[in-house]
Amino acid sequence: MAPGRAITEDSAMQVLQAQAIRRPGSRLGIVTGLAIGILLLALGVALGYLAVATPFAERFIPEGRASTPSTIGSALGWTLLLVAPALAGIAGIAWLAGVAERAAAFRARPHPIIGLGRVLGEEFAAATGLRLPDGRIVSEVIIGPHGIAVFEPLPPPALIRAHAGAWELRIGRDRWVPLENPLDRTVRSADRIRRWIGAEDRDFVVKVHAAVIASEASAIARTPGCAMITRDQVPAYLASLPAQRSFTAERRAQVLELIRAAV
């Protein structure tokens, strides 16, 4: 398995997940990192106290007309006394910040698609963060007897609006910018996946379906080429898709290997 993706198996459904950041690691790693960060901070405080509050620094004060090597040694000593505490403190803060980031990732909820493993069987497989050859990222795909279903989550209702066919995304309190129609985007993603798999000179054609996932029931009407569903409706949506008899388990495995390389 190449670096940058993780494979999760939950109740027989395999999920390929893209990892945009480092994996959070174990609790032991987080505790160890926390200890190292605290030790570095303590070292910085101790060195600072040694340089400011003790007579240790007097050892680096030249006496009388010191020789050149003695002067250079004194200068290096003072440099270390002044720089070492700051470096140790900065390193400790940076280390603790990294630990906090890993801890937040460790506590983060798993991707919602993983929960589908409790509902879908081993004939299904899923992938997130699929990168197509043209650079486009597809949020979620599920491979199964139906072919391939492409899903794009809709931003929260408070952040988007649609009027007269134009979509906008809120990026500030009162600032709105144009947004690509999510339904059209999902359909184009599905078309790209269809062409990408077809370009591999396979002896079969895969049906590709498109759906937008909303956080709640939406008044936005679906289009002929794209469904509009909630996360809870995904299993029912997949069950409603007609099975593609030519898309056998062996052929699904071939497509999954192609997708595995792109996650």
Protein backbone atom coordinates (compact mmCIF):
# COMPACT_ATOMS: atom_id res chain seq x y z
CA MET A 1 0.00 0.00 0.00
CA ALA A 2 1.41 3.37 -1.01
CA PRO A 3 1.89 6.08 1.63
CA GLY A 4 -0.96 8.56 1.97
CA ARG A 5 -3.97 6.26 2.07
CA ALA A 6 -5.50 3.96 4.60
CA ILE A 7 -7.61 0.87 4.11
CA THR A 8 -10.47 0.29 6.52
CA GLU A 9 -12.54 -2.84 6.66
CA ASP A 10 -15.80 -2.64 8.56
CA SER A 11 -18.23 -5.56 8.41
CA ALA A 12 -16.73 -6.81 5.14
CA MET A 13 -16.96 -3.52 3.21
CA GLN A 14 -13.55 -2.19 2.29
CA VAL A 15 -12.97 1.57 2.42
CA LEU A 16 -9.99 3.26 0.81
CA GLN A 17 -9.37 6.60 2.50
CA ALA A 18 -7.08 9.36 1.26
CA GLN A 19 -4.97 10.86 4.02
CA ALA A 20 -4.31 14.58 3.52
CA ILE A 21 -2.38 14.73 6.78
CA ARG A 22 -0.32 12.34 8.79
CA ARG A 23 -2.13 9.58 10.56
CA PRO A 24 -2.74 10.54 14.17
CA GLY A 25 -0.84 7.55 15.58
CA SER A 26 -1.42 5.79 18.87
CA ARG A 27 -2.18 7.14 22.33
CA LEU A 28 1.31 6.05 23.39
CA GLY A 29 2.84 8.19 20.65
CA ILE A 30 0.78 11.18 21.76
CA VAL A 31 1.81 10.73 25.41
CA THR A 32 5.46 10.34 24.41
CA GLY A 33 5.31 13.48 22.28
CA LEU A 34 3.70 15.38 25.14
CA ALA A 35 6.52 14.31 27.48
CA ILE A 36 9.20 15.37 24.98
CA GLY A 37 7.58 18.76 24.48
CA ILE A 38 7.36 19.37 28.24
CA LEU A 39 11.00 18.32 28.71
CA LEU A 40 12.13 20.73 25.99
CA LEU A 41 10.20 23.58 27.62
CA ALA A 42 11.69 22.68 31.01
CA LEU A 43 15.14 22.61 29.47
CA GLY A 44 14.59 26.08 28.01
CA VAL A 45 13.46 27.43 31.40
CA ALA A 46 16.41 25.81 33.16
CA LEU A 47 18.93 27.20 30.69
CA GLY A 48 17.37 30.64 30.92
CA TYR A 49 17.55 30.54 34.71
CA LEU A 50 21.17 29.40 34.52
CA ALA A 51 22.06 32.31 32.25
CA VAL A 52 20.21 35.05 34.14
CA ALA A 53 19.83 34.11 37.79
CA THR A 54 23.13 32.35 38.57
CA PRO A 55 26.80 33.35 38.48
CA PHE A 56 27.45 30.77 35.78
CA ALA A 57 27.49 33.45 33.07
CA GLU A 58 30.40 35.19 34.80
CA ARG A 59 32.69 32.42 33.57
CA PHE A 60 32.42 33.87 30.09
CA ILE A 61 33.43 37.41 31.06
CA PRO A 62 37.03 38.03 29.84
CA GLU A 63 39.46 39.17 32.55
CA GLY A 64 41.92 41.90 31.65
CA ARG A 65 43.48 41.73 28.25
CA ALA A 66 42.29 38.31 27.14
CA SER A 67 43.85 36.46 24.24
CA THR A 68 42.02 36.05 20.95
CA PRO A 69 41.03 32.41 21.58
CA SER A 70 39.72 33.39 25.02
CA THR A 71 37.68 36.21 23.52
CA ILE A 72 36.22 33.91 20.87
CA GLY A 73 35.39 31.32 23.51
CA SER A 74 33.66 33.94 25.65
CA ALA A 75 31.64 35.15 22.69
CA LEU A 76 30.55 31.59 21.85
CA GLY A 77 29.65 30.96 25.47
CA TRP A 78 27.47 34.07 25.68
CA THR A 79 25.84 33.15 22.37
CA LEU A 80 24.94 29.71 23.66
CA LEU A 81 23.66 31.11 26.95
CA LEU A 82 21.35 33.51 25.12
CA VAL A 83 20.28 31.32 22.19
CA ALA A 84 19.99 27.85 23.74
CA PRO A 85 17.05 28.69 26.08
CA ALA A 86 15.10 30.28 23.25
CA LEU A 87 15.77 27.36 20.88
CA ALA A 88 14.74 24.81 23.49
CA GLY A 89 11.57 26.77 24.29
CA ILE A 90 10.61 27.16 20.63
CA ALA A 91 11.27 23.48 19.98
CA GLY A 92 9.12 22.53 22.96
CA ILE A 93 6.23 24.73 21.82
CA ALA A 94 6.45 23.38 18.27
CA TRP A 95 6.52 19.80 19.55
CA LEU A 96 3.48 20.38 21.76
CA ALA A 97 1.63 21.99 18.85
CA GLY A 98 2.27 18.88 16.77
CA VAL A 99 1.03 16.70 19.62
CA ALA A 100 -2.14 18.79 19.88
CA GLU A 101 -2.75 18.38 16.15
CA ARG A 102 -2.29 14.62 16.33
CA ALA A 103 -4.53 14.42 19.39
CA ALA A 104 -7.27 16.35 17.59
CA ALA A 105 -6.99 14.01 14.62
CA PHE A 106 -7.08 11.03 16.98
CA ARG A 107 -10.34 12.27 18.49
CA ALA A 108 -11.86 13.14 15.12
CA ARG A 109 -14.89 11.18 14.05
CA PRO A 110 -14.34 8.59 11.33
CA HIS A 111 -15.57 9.38 7.85
CA PRO A 112 -19.36 8.82 7.60
CA ILE A 113 -18.88 6.39 4.73
CA ILE A 114 -17.20 3.91 7.09
CA GLY A 115 -20.47 3.45 8.94
CA LEU A 116 -22.03 2.03 5.78
CA GLY A 117 -20.00 -1.12 6.39
CA ARG A 118 -22.63 -2.09 8.94
CA VAL A 119 -25.28 -2.04 6.23
CA LEU A 120 -23.54 -2.95 2.97
CA GLY A 121 -22.02 -6.36 2.34
CA GLU A 122 -18.71 -7.57 0.97
CA GLU A 123 -19.84 -7.04 -2.62
CA PHE A 124 -19.47 -3.30 -2.00
CA ALA A 125 -16.32 -1.21 -1.64
CA ALA A 126 -15.85 2.52 -1.13
CA ALA A 127 -13.18 5.15 -1.60
CA THR A 128 -12.78 8.77 -0.51
CA GLY A 129 -10.61 11.51 -1.97
CA LEU A 130 -10.26 9.86 -5.38
CA ARG A 131 -7.82 11.85 -7.54
CA LEU A 132 -8.54 11.54 -11.27
CA PRO A 133 -5.77 11.83 -13.88
CA ASP A 134 -6.84 15.40 -14.70
CA GLY A 135 -6.36 16.42 -11.05
CA ARG A 136 -10.03 16.59 -10.09
CA ILE A 137 -10.84 15.22 -6.64
CA VAL A 138 -13.97 13.12 -6.20
CA SER A 139 -15.20 13.08 -2.62
CA GLU A 140 -16.73 9.61 -2.40
CA VAL A 141 -17.38 6.62 -4.63
CA ILE A 142 -19.00 3.28 -3.87
CA ILE A 143 -18.41 0.29 -6.12
CA GLY A 144 -20.94 -2.51 -6.12
CA PRO A 145 -23.33 -4.60 -8.22
CA HIS A 146 -24.87 -1.36 -9.48
CA GLY A 147 -21.55 -0.19 -10.97
CA ILE A 148 -20.07 2.97 -9.47
CA ALA A 149 -21.95 5.62 -7.51
CA VAL A 150 -20.33 9.04 -7.18
CA PHE A 151 -21.24 11.16 -4.16
CA GLU A 152 -20.45 14.80 -3.44
CA PRO A 153 -21.48 16.21 -0.03
CA LEU A 154 -23.31 19.51 -0.14
CA PRO A 155 -21.92 22.30 2.09
CA PRO A 156 -24.07 23.20 5.14
CA PRO A 157 -27.23 25.13 4.21
CA ALA A 158 -25.99 28.23 6.06
CA LEU A 159 -23.00 28.45 3.72
CA ILE A 160 -24.69 28.12 0.33
CA ARG A 161 -27.58 29.59 -1.53
CA ALA A 162 -29.10 29.18 -4.96
CA HIS A 163 -31.09 31.78 -6.85
CA ALA A 164 -32.22 31.70 -10.45
CA GLY A 165 -29.88 28.81 -11.18
CA ALA A 166 -26.80 30.55 -9.75
CA TRP A 167 -25.06 29.09 -6.72
CA GLU A 168 -23.04 31.04 -4.18
CA LEU A 169 -20.82 30.10 -1.26
CA ARG A 170 -20.44 32.25 1.85
CA ILE A 171 -16.80 32.74 2.85
CA GLY A 172 -17.31 35.53 5.36
CA ARG A 173 -20.05 37.08 7.42
CA ASP A 174 -21.54 38.88 4.43
CA ARG A 175 -19.36 37.85 1.51
CA TRP A 176 -20.63 35.45 -1.14
CA VAL A 177 -18.67 34.08 -4.07
CA PRO A 178 -19.85 32.06 -7.10
CA LEU A 179 -20.04 28.30 -6.57
CA GLU A 180 -20.14 25.59 -9.17
CA ASN A 181 -23.56 23.96 -9.25
CA PRO A 182 -23.05 20.91 -6.99
CA LEU A 183 -25.37 18.72 -9.05
CA ASP A 184 -23.64 19.64 -12.31
CA ARG A 185 -20.24 19.14 -10.67
CA THR A 186 -21.19 15.66 -9.50
CA VAL A 187 -22.46 14.70 -12.96
CA ARG A 188 -19.21 15.92 -14.53
CA SER A 189 -17.23 13.93 -11.97
CA ALA A 190 -19.22 10.84 -12.88
CA ASP A 191 -18.56 11.46 -16.59
CA ARG A 192 -14.83 11.82 -15.90
CA ILE A 193 -14.76 8.54 -13.98
CA ARG A 194 -16.65 6.82 -16.81
CA ARG A 195 -14.14 8.07 -19.41
CA TRP A 196 -11.18 7.30 -17.15
CA ILE A 197 -12.19 3.67 -16.64
CA GLY A 198 -13.18 3.32 -20.30
CA ALA A 199 -9.75 4.55 -21.38
CA GLU A 200 -8.15 1.51 -19.73
CA ASP A 201 -9.19 -0.66 -22.73
CA ARG A 202 -11.31 -3.01 -20.63
CA ASP A 203 -13.73 -5.43 -22.20
CA PHE A 204 -16.69 -4.07 -20.27
CA VAL A 205 -18.45 -0.76 -19.63
CA VAL A 206 -19.23 0.35 -16.08
CA LYS A 207 -22.39 2.24 -15.24
CA VAL A 208 -21.64 5.38 -13.21
CA HIS A 209 -24.35 7.08 -11.15
CA ALA A 210 -24.25 10.50 -9.47
CA ALA A 211 -25.80 11.81 -6.26
CA VAL A 212 -25.36 14.87 -4.03
CA ILE A 213 -25.54 14.30 -0.27
CA ALA A 214 -27.27 17.03 1.74
CA SER A 215 -27.08 17.36 5.51
CA GLU A 216 -30.85 17.56 5.68
CA ALA A 217 -33.85 17.19 3.45
CA SER A 218 -33.51 19.81 0.74
CA ALA A 219 -36.04 21.58 -1.40
CA ILE A 220 -33.53 21.51 -4.27
CA ALA A 221 -34.91 19.26 -6.96
CA ARG A 222 -32.83 16.46 -8.36
CA THR A 223 -31.90 16.50 -12.03
CA PRO A 224 -32.26 13.65 -14.53
CA GLY A 225 -28.57 12.84 -14.12
CA CYS A 226 -28.08 13.46 -10.41
CA ALA A 227 -29.99 12.49 -7.29
CA MET A 228 -30.30 14.58 -4.13
CA ILE A 229 -30.29 12.49 -0.94
CA THR A 230 -29.31 12.65 2.71
CA ARG A 231 -26.53 10.58 4.27
CA ASP A 232 -29.06 8.21 5.84
CA GLN A 233 -30.62 7.56 2.44
CA VAL A 234 -27.41 6.27 0.83
CA PRO A 235 -28.12 2.55 1.43
CA ALA A 236 -31.66 2.87 0.08
CA TYR A 237 -30.37 4.83 -2.91
CA LEU A 238 -27.83 2.11 -3.73
CA ALA A 239 -30.51 -0.56 -3.35
CA SER A 240 -32.72 1.32 -5.83
CA LEU A 241 -30.07 1.26 -8.56
CA PRO A 242 -30.47 -1.57 -11.06
CA ALA A 243 -27.79 -4.24 -10.84
CA GLN A 244 -25.34 -4.40 -13.74
CA ARG A 245 -25.08 -8.10 -14.52
CA SER A 246 -21.97 -7.68 -16.64
CA PHE A 247 -20.16 -6.05 -13.69
CA THR A 248 -19.10 -9.29 -12.04
CA ALA A 249 -17.14 -9.64 -8.81
CA GLU A 250 -13.94 -10.16 -10.83
CA ARG A 251 -14.53 -7.00 -12.83
CA ARG A 252 -15.35 -5.06 -9.67
CA ALA A 253 -11.99 -6.17 -8.28
CA GLN A 254 -10.25 -4.85 -11.40
CA VAL A 255 -11.92 -1.47 -11.07
CA LEU A 256 -11.17 -1.37 -7.35
CA GLU A 257 -7.47 -1.90 -8.03
CA LEU A 258 -7.52 0.99 -10.48
CA ILE A 259 -9.21 3.19 -7.89
CA ARG A 260 -6.85 2.00 -5.16
CA ALA A 261 -3.92 3.39 -7.14
CA ALA A 262 -5.62 6.79 -7.43
CA VAL A 263 -6.52 7.26 -3.77
